[in-house]
């Protein structure tokens, strides 16, 4: 699971990450990434890095409330496994596409891992092979 301190809850953070961050699409998800280098985080002291913040966007086009909740749980489970690949003090927004309704956790994890390799290649390579 994704720890509470890693969850993005502020609407401004979501908007800024989607607007200013880099984006990559994979089969069932679109991942927006805003690195610590590209912003000045007001809540973090410069000397010490903050935990990465991750937000989910699962809209009504994915399905009804039960389906959206299931997709959110699967994405949080997949992101919990990949949290070590996300650089410190960075932000990540994962938007589920309608096809995510039928995807299993392993498929989502594979797509997220691929997106993170593309968006933050140095960090993904440092953490070891996948």
N, C-alpha and C. Protein backbone atom coordinates (compact mmCIF):
# COMPACT_ATOMS: atom_id res chain seq x y z
N UNK A 1 0.83 -1.20 0.00
CA UNK A 1 0.00 0.00 0.00
C UNK A 1 0.87 1.25 0.00
N UNK A 2 0.28 2.32 -0.37
CA UNK A 2 0.95 3.61 -0.42
C UNK A 2 0.81 4.30 0.94
N UNK A 3 1.93 4.58 1.62
CA UNK A 3 1.86 5.22 2.94
C UNK A 3 1.17 6.59 2.87
N UNK A 4 0.55 6.96 3.95
CA UNK A 4 -0.21 8.21 4.03
C UNK A 4 0.65 9.44 3.72
N UNK A 5 1.89 9.46 4.23
CA UNK A 5 2.74 10.64 4.01
C UNK A 5 3.20 10.78 2.56
N UNK A 6 2.96 9.77 1.73
CA UNK A 6 3.32 9.85 0.32
C UNK A 6 2.14 10.23 -0.58
N UNK A 7 0.97 10.42 0.01
CA UNK A 7 -0.21 10.73 -0.79
C UNK A 7 -0.35 12.24 -1.00
N UNK A 8 -0.64 12.60 -2.23
CA UNK A 8 -0.86 14.00 -2.58
C UNK A 8 -2.34 14.31 -2.35
N UNK A 9 -2.61 15.37 -1.60
CA UNK A 9 -3.99 15.72 -1.28
C UNK A 9 -4.38 17.14 -1.69
N UNK A 10 -3.40 17.96 -1.99
CA UNK A 10 -3.63 19.37 -2.27
C UNK A 10 -3.96 19.56 -3.76
N UNK A 11 -5.09 20.18 -4.04
CA UNK A 11 -5.52 20.40 -5.41
C UNK A 11 -4.48 21.19 -6.21
N UNK A 12 -3.84 22.16 -5.57
CA UNK A 12 -2.82 22.97 -6.25
C UNK A 12 -1.64 22.10 -6.68
N UNK A 13 -1.24 21.14 -5.83
CA UNK A 13 -0.15 20.23 -6.18
C UNK A 13 -0.51 19.37 -7.39
N UNK A 14 -1.75 18.86 -7.43
CA UNK A 14 -2.21 18.09 -8.58
C UNK A 14 -2.12 18.93 -9.85
N UNK A 15 -2.70 20.13 -9.78
CA UNK A 15 -2.74 21.00 -10.97
C UNK A 15 -1.35 21.36 -11.44
N UNK A 16 -0.47 21.71 -10.52
CA UNK A 16 0.89 22.10 -10.90
C UNK A 16 1.66 20.93 -11.50
N UNK A 17 1.49 19.75 -10.94
CA UNK A 17 2.18 18.57 -11.47
C UNK A 17 1.71 18.24 -12.87
N UNK A 18 0.40 18.28 -13.08
CA UNK A 18 -0.14 17.97 -14.41
C UNK A 18 0.24 19.05 -15.41
N UNK A 19 0.20 20.29 -15.00
CA UNK A 19 0.48 21.41 -15.91
C UNK A 19 1.97 21.55 -16.22
N UNK A 20 2.82 21.42 -15.21
CA UNK A 20 4.25 21.72 -15.38
C UNK A 20 5.13 20.49 -15.53
N UNK A 21 4.63 19.34 -15.17
CA UNK A 21 5.46 18.14 -15.18
C UNK A 21 5.56 17.50 -16.54
N UNK A 22 6.46 16.54 -16.62
CA UNK A 22 6.59 15.73 -17.85
C UNK A 22 5.54 14.64 -17.81
N UNK A 23 5.13 14.17 -18.99
CA UNK A 23 4.04 13.20 -19.08
C UNK A 23 4.42 12.06 -20.00
N UNK A 24 3.99 10.87 -19.60
CA UNK A 24 4.15 9.71 -20.46
C UNK A 24 2.91 8.83 -20.31
N UNK A 25 2.44 8.31 -21.42
CA UNK A 25 1.27 7.44 -21.41
C UNK A 25 1.66 5.99 -21.62
N UNK A 26 1.00 5.14 -20.93
CA UNK A 26 1.14 3.70 -21.11
C UNK A 26 -0.28 3.15 -21.30
N UNK A 27 -0.43 1.89 -21.57
CA UNK A 27 -1.72 1.30 -21.94
C UNK A 27 -2.92 1.74 -21.13
N UNK A 28 -2.84 1.65 -19.82
CA UNK A 28 -3.99 1.92 -18.96
C UNK A 28 -3.85 3.17 -18.12
N UNK A 29 -2.70 3.83 -18.17
CA UNK A 29 -2.46 5.00 -17.31
C UNK A 29 -1.68 6.07 -18.06
N UNK A 30 -1.82 7.30 -17.57
CA UNK A 30 -0.98 8.42 -17.98
C UNK A 30 -0.30 8.90 -16.71
N UNK A 31 1.03 9.04 -16.76
CA UNK A 31 1.80 9.43 -15.58
C UNK A 31 2.40 10.81 -15.81
N UNK A 32 2.14 11.71 -14.86
CA UNK A 32 2.70 13.06 -14.87
C UNK A 32 3.74 13.11 -13.77
N UNK A 33 4.94 13.64 -14.08
CA UNK A 33 6.05 13.64 -13.14
C UNK A 33 6.65 15.03 -13.05
N UNK A 34 6.79 15.53 -11.84
CA UNK A 34 7.43 16.82 -11.60
C UNK A 34 8.60 16.57 -10.65
N UNK A 35 9.82 16.75 -11.17
CA UNK A 35 11.00 16.44 -10.37
C UNK A 35 11.27 17.54 -9.36
N UNK A 36 12.06 17.21 -8.37
CA UNK A 36 12.43 18.18 -7.33
C UNK A 36 13.28 19.29 -7.92
N UNK A 37 14.05 18.99 -8.96
CA UNK A 37 14.92 19.99 -9.59
C UNK A 37 14.13 21.06 -10.31
N UNK A 38 12.93 20.71 -10.80
CA UNK A 38 12.17 21.66 -11.61
C UNK A 38 11.25 22.55 -10.78
N UNK A 39 11.31 22.44 -9.47
CA UNK A 39 10.46 23.26 -8.62
C UNK A 39 11.14 23.57 -7.30
N UNK A 40 10.65 24.54 -6.60
CA UNK A 40 11.10 24.85 -5.25
C UNK A 40 9.96 24.50 -4.31
N UNK A 41 10.09 23.40 -3.57
CA UNK A 41 9.03 22.96 -2.66
C UNK A 41 9.03 23.83 -1.42
N UNK A 42 7.96 24.53 -1.17
CA UNK A 42 7.86 25.44 -0.04
C UNK A 42 7.90 24.70 1.29
N UNK A 43 7.37 23.49 1.34
CA UNK A 43 7.31 22.77 2.61
C UNK A 43 8.56 21.99 2.95
N UNK A 44 9.57 21.98 2.10
CA UNK A 44 10.77 21.19 2.33
C UNK A 44 11.97 22.09 2.57
N UNK A 45 12.73 21.83 3.62
CA UNK A 45 14.00 22.54 3.76
C UNK A 45 14.94 22.14 2.62
N UNK A 46 15.77 23.06 2.19
CA UNK A 46 16.65 22.80 1.06
C UNK A 46 17.64 21.68 1.38
N UNK A 47 18.10 21.59 2.62
CA UNK A 47 19.14 20.62 2.98
C UNK A 47 18.63 19.19 3.01
N UNK A 48 17.36 18.97 3.33
CA UNK A 48 16.88 17.60 3.43
C UNK A 48 15.72 17.36 2.46
N UNK A 49 15.74 16.22 1.78
CA UNK A 49 14.69 15.93 0.81
C UNK A 49 13.40 15.48 1.51
N UNK A 50 12.29 15.78 0.88
CA UNK A 50 10.98 15.33 1.37
C UNK A 50 10.63 14.00 0.70
N UNK A 51 9.71 13.30 1.29
CA UNK A 51 9.22 12.07 0.68
C UNK A 51 8.51 12.41 -0.63
N UNK A 52 8.56 11.53 -1.61
CA UNK A 52 7.85 11.78 -2.86
C UNK A 52 6.34 11.79 -2.60
N UNK A 53 5.62 12.61 -3.33
CA UNK A 53 4.17 12.71 -3.18
C UNK A 53 3.53 12.15 -4.43
N UNK A 54 2.52 11.30 -4.25
CA UNK A 54 1.87 10.63 -5.37
C UNK A 54 0.36 10.84 -5.27
N UNK A 55 -0.25 11.22 -6.40
CA UNK A 55 -1.69 11.41 -6.45
C UNK A 55 -2.32 10.56 -7.54
N UNK A 56 -3.57 10.21 -7.34
CA UNK A 56 -4.32 9.40 -8.31
C UNK A 56 -5.50 10.19 -8.83
N UNK A 57 -5.77 10.03 -10.12
CA UNK A 57 -6.95 10.60 -10.74
C UNK A 57 -7.67 9.45 -11.43
N UNK A 58 -8.83 9.09 -10.90
CA UNK A 58 -9.63 8.02 -11.47
C UNK A 58 -11.01 8.60 -11.72
N UNK A 59 -11.25 9.05 -12.94
CA UNK A 59 -12.49 9.75 -13.28
C UNK A 59 -13.64 8.83 -13.59
N UNK A 60 -14.80 9.43 -13.81
CA UNK A 60 -16.02 8.66 -14.06
C UNK A 60 -15.98 7.87 -15.36
N UNK A 61 -15.12 8.27 -16.30
CA UNK A 61 -15.02 7.52 -17.56
C UNK A 61 -14.47 6.12 -17.34
N UNK A 62 -13.81 5.89 -16.18
CA UNK A 62 -13.27 4.56 -15.86
C UNK A 62 -14.41 3.60 -15.52
N UNK A 63 -15.47 4.10 -14.92
CA UNK A 63 -16.60 3.25 -14.56
C UNK A 63 -17.35 3.82 -13.38
N UNK A 64 -18.23 2.99 -12.82
CA UNK A 64 -19.01 3.39 -11.66
C UNK A 64 -18.15 3.48 -10.41
N UNK A 65 -18.76 3.84 -9.31
CA UNK A 65 -18.00 4.08 -8.08
C UNK A 65 -17.26 2.84 -7.60
N UNK A 66 -17.87 1.67 -7.72
CA UNK A 66 -17.21 0.44 -7.29
C UNK A 66 -15.99 0.16 -8.15
N UNK A 67 -16.13 0.34 -9.45
CA UNK A 67 -15.02 0.12 -10.38
C UNK A 67 -13.90 1.12 -10.12
N UNK A 68 -14.26 2.39 -9.92
CA UNK A 68 -13.24 3.41 -9.66
C UNK A 68 -12.48 3.11 -8.37
N UNK A 69 -13.19 2.68 -7.34
CA UNK A 69 -12.54 2.35 -6.07
C UNK A 69 -11.60 1.15 -6.25
N UNK A 70 -12.01 0.15 -7.02
CA UNK A 70 -11.17 -1.02 -7.28
C UNK A 70 -9.90 -0.62 -8.03
N UNK A 71 -10.04 0.25 -9.04
CA UNK A 71 -8.89 0.72 -9.80
C UNK A 71 -7.95 1.51 -8.90
N UNK A 72 -8.51 2.36 -8.04
CA UNK A 72 -7.68 3.14 -7.10
C UNK A 72 -6.90 2.23 -6.17
N UNK A 73 -7.54 1.21 -5.63
CA UNK A 73 -6.84 0.26 -4.74
C UNK A 73 -5.72 -0.46 -5.48
N UNK A 74 -5.99 -0.87 -6.70
CA UNK A 74 -4.96 -1.56 -7.50
C UNK A 74 -3.79 -0.64 -7.81
N UNK A 75 -4.08 0.61 -8.16
CA UNK A 75 -3.00 1.55 -8.44
C UNK A 75 -2.19 1.84 -7.19
N UNK A 76 -2.84 2.01 -6.04
CA UNK A 76 -2.10 2.25 -4.80
C UNK A 76 -1.21 1.06 -4.44
N UNK A 77 -1.72 -0.16 -4.67
CA UNK A 77 -0.92 -1.35 -4.40
C UNK A 77 0.30 -1.40 -5.31
N UNK A 78 0.10 -1.11 -6.59
CA UNK A 78 1.22 -1.12 -7.54
C UNK A 78 2.22 -0.02 -7.21
N UNK A 79 1.74 1.16 -6.87
CA UNK A 79 2.63 2.27 -6.54
C UNK A 79 3.38 2.03 -5.24
N UNK A 80 2.77 1.33 -4.31
CA UNK A 80 3.45 0.99 -3.06
C UNK A 80 4.68 0.14 -3.32
N UNK A 81 4.59 -0.75 -4.29
CA UNK A 81 5.72 -1.61 -4.66
C UNK A 81 6.82 -0.82 -5.37
N UNK A 82 6.44 0.25 -6.05
CA UNK A 82 7.40 1.01 -6.86
C UNK A 82 7.85 2.31 -6.20
N UNK A 83 7.47 2.53 -4.97
CA UNK A 83 7.76 3.79 -4.30
C UNK A 83 9.25 4.10 -4.25
N UNK A 84 10.09 3.08 -4.14
CA UNK A 84 11.53 3.29 -4.08
C UNK A 84 12.09 3.84 -5.39
N UNK A 85 11.36 3.70 -6.48
CA UNK A 85 11.82 4.20 -7.78
C UNK A 85 11.52 5.68 -7.99
N UNK A 86 10.65 6.24 -7.14
CA UNK A 86 10.28 7.65 -7.28
C UNK A 86 11.29 8.50 -6.52
N UNK A 87 11.93 9.45 -7.18
CA UNK A 87 12.95 10.28 -6.52
C UNK A 87 12.38 11.08 -5.34
N UNK A 88 13.22 11.31 -4.36
CA UNK A 88 12.83 12.12 -3.20
C UNK A 88 12.43 13.52 -3.65
N UNK A 89 11.48 14.11 -2.96
CA UNK A 89 11.01 15.48 -3.17
C UNK A 89 10.33 15.69 -4.52
N UNK A 90 9.97 14.64 -5.21
CA UNK A 90 9.30 14.80 -6.49
C UNK A 90 7.81 14.52 -6.33
N UNK A 91 7.06 14.85 -7.37
CA UNK A 91 5.61 14.61 -7.35
C UNK A 91 5.22 13.80 -8.58
N UNK A 92 4.22 12.94 -8.38
CA UNK A 92 3.77 12.04 -9.43
C UNK A 92 2.24 12.01 -9.39
N UNK A 93 1.60 12.20 -10.54
CA UNK A 93 0.15 12.05 -10.65
C UNK A 93 -0.11 10.96 -11.67
N UNK A 94 -0.90 9.97 -11.27
CA UNK A 94 -1.24 8.85 -12.14
C UNK A 94 -2.72 8.98 -12.48
N UNK A 95 -3.02 9.12 -13.77
CA UNK A 95 -4.40 9.22 -14.24
C UNK A 95 -4.78 7.91 -14.91
N UNK A 96 -5.84 7.30 -14.41
CA UNK A 96 -6.31 6.03 -14.96
C UNK A 96 -7.14 6.29 -16.22
N UNK A 97 -6.90 5.50 -17.24
CA UNK A 97 -7.69 5.54 -18.46
C UNK A 97 -8.81 4.50 -18.35
N UNK A 98 -9.85 4.58 -19.18
CA UNK A 98 -10.95 3.63 -19.07
C UNK A 98 -10.53 2.17 -19.12
N UNK A 99 -9.47 1.85 -19.85
CA UNK A 99 -9.02 0.45 -19.95
C UNK A 99 -8.47 -0.08 -18.62
N UNK A 100 -8.16 0.80 -17.68
CA UNK A 100 -7.62 0.38 -16.39
C UNK A 100 -8.64 -0.41 -15.58
N UNK A 101 -9.92 -0.29 -15.92
CA UNK A 101 -10.96 -1.01 -15.19
C UNK A 101 -10.76 -2.52 -15.26
N UNK A 102 -10.19 -3.02 -16.35
CA UNK A 102 -9.99 -4.45 -16.50
C UNK A 102 -8.57 -4.91 -16.22
N UNK A 103 -7.70 -4.02 -15.82
CA UNK A 103 -6.29 -4.36 -15.62
C UNK A 103 -6.05 -4.92 -14.22
N UNK A 104 -5.16 -5.89 -14.15
CA UNK A 104 -4.75 -6.46 -12.87
C UNK A 104 -3.59 -5.65 -12.29
N UNK A 105 -3.29 -5.87 -11.02
CA UNK A 105 -2.22 -5.13 -10.34
C UNK A 105 -0.88 -5.33 -11.04
N UNK A 106 -0.58 -6.55 -11.46
CA UNK A 106 0.70 -6.83 -12.12
C UNK A 106 0.84 -6.04 -13.42
N UNK A 107 -0.24 -5.94 -14.19
CA UNK A 107 -0.21 -5.17 -15.44
C UNK A 107 0.02 -3.69 -15.14
N UNK A 108 -0.71 -3.17 -14.16
CA UNK A 108 -0.54 -1.76 -13.79
C UNK A 108 0.86 -1.49 -13.28
N UNK A 109 1.39 -2.40 -12.47
CA UNK A 109 2.74 -2.23 -11.95
C UNK A 109 3.77 -2.19 -13.07
N UNK A 110 3.61 -3.07 -14.06
CA UNK A 110 4.52 -3.11 -15.20
C UNK A 110 4.46 -1.80 -15.99
N UNK A 111 3.26 -1.28 -16.22
CA UNK A 111 3.11 -0.04 -16.95
C UNK A 111 3.68 1.14 -16.17
N UNK A 112 3.45 1.16 -14.88
CA UNK A 112 3.99 2.24 -14.04
C UNK A 112 5.51 2.18 -13.98
N UNK A 113 6.06 0.98 -13.87
CA UNK A 113 7.52 0.82 -13.85
C UNK A 113 8.13 1.34 -15.16
N UNK A 114 7.49 1.02 -16.28
CA UNK A 114 7.97 1.49 -17.58
C UNK A 114 7.90 3.01 -17.66
N UNK A 115 6.82 3.60 -17.18
CA UNK A 115 6.68 5.05 -17.20
C UNK A 115 7.73 5.72 -16.31
N UNK A 116 7.98 5.15 -15.14
CA UNK A 116 8.99 5.72 -14.24
C UNK A 116 10.38 5.63 -14.84
N UNK A 117 10.67 4.55 -15.55
CA UNK A 117 11.97 4.44 -16.22
C UNK A 117 12.15 5.55 -17.24
N UNK A 118 11.07 5.86 -17.94
CA UNK A 118 11.11 6.90 -18.96
C UNK A 118 11.23 8.30 -18.34
N UNK A 119 10.51 8.53 -17.25
CA UNK A 119 10.45 9.86 -16.65
C UNK A 119 11.61 10.16 -15.71
N UNK A 120 12.08 9.16 -14.98
CA UNK A 120 13.16 9.35 -14.01
C UNK A 120 14.20 8.26 -14.21
N UNK A 121 14.88 8.22 -15.38
CA UNK A 121 15.75 7.10 -15.72
C UNK A 121 16.92 6.90 -14.77
N UNK A 122 17.54 7.94 -14.29
CA UNK A 122 18.71 7.79 -13.42
C UNK A 122 18.32 7.11 -12.11
N UNK A 123 17.20 7.49 -11.54
CA UNK A 123 16.76 6.91 -10.27
C UNK A 123 16.37 5.45 -10.46
N UNK A 124 15.64 5.12 -11.53
CA UNK A 124 15.20 3.76 -11.76
C UNK A 124 16.39 2.82 -11.96
N UNK A 125 17.47 3.29 -12.60
CA UNK A 125 18.62 2.46 -12.82
C UNK A 125 19.43 2.26 -11.52
N UNK A 126 19.47 3.29 -10.67
CA UNK A 126 20.20 3.18 -9.41
C UNK A 126 19.59 2.16 -8.48
N UNK A 127 18.27 1.98 -8.53
CA UNK A 127 17.57 1.11 -7.59
C UNK A 127 17.67 -0.36 -7.95
N UNK A 128 18.30 -0.67 -9.05
CA UNK A 128 18.50 -2.07 -9.40
C UNK A 128 17.61 -2.51 -10.54
N UNK A 129 17.85 -3.72 -11.02
CA UNK A 129 17.09 -4.25 -12.16
C UNK A 129 15.67 -4.59 -11.75
N UNK A 130 14.80 -4.63 -12.76
CA UNK A 130 13.41 -4.97 -12.48
C UNK A 130 12.97 -6.22 -13.16
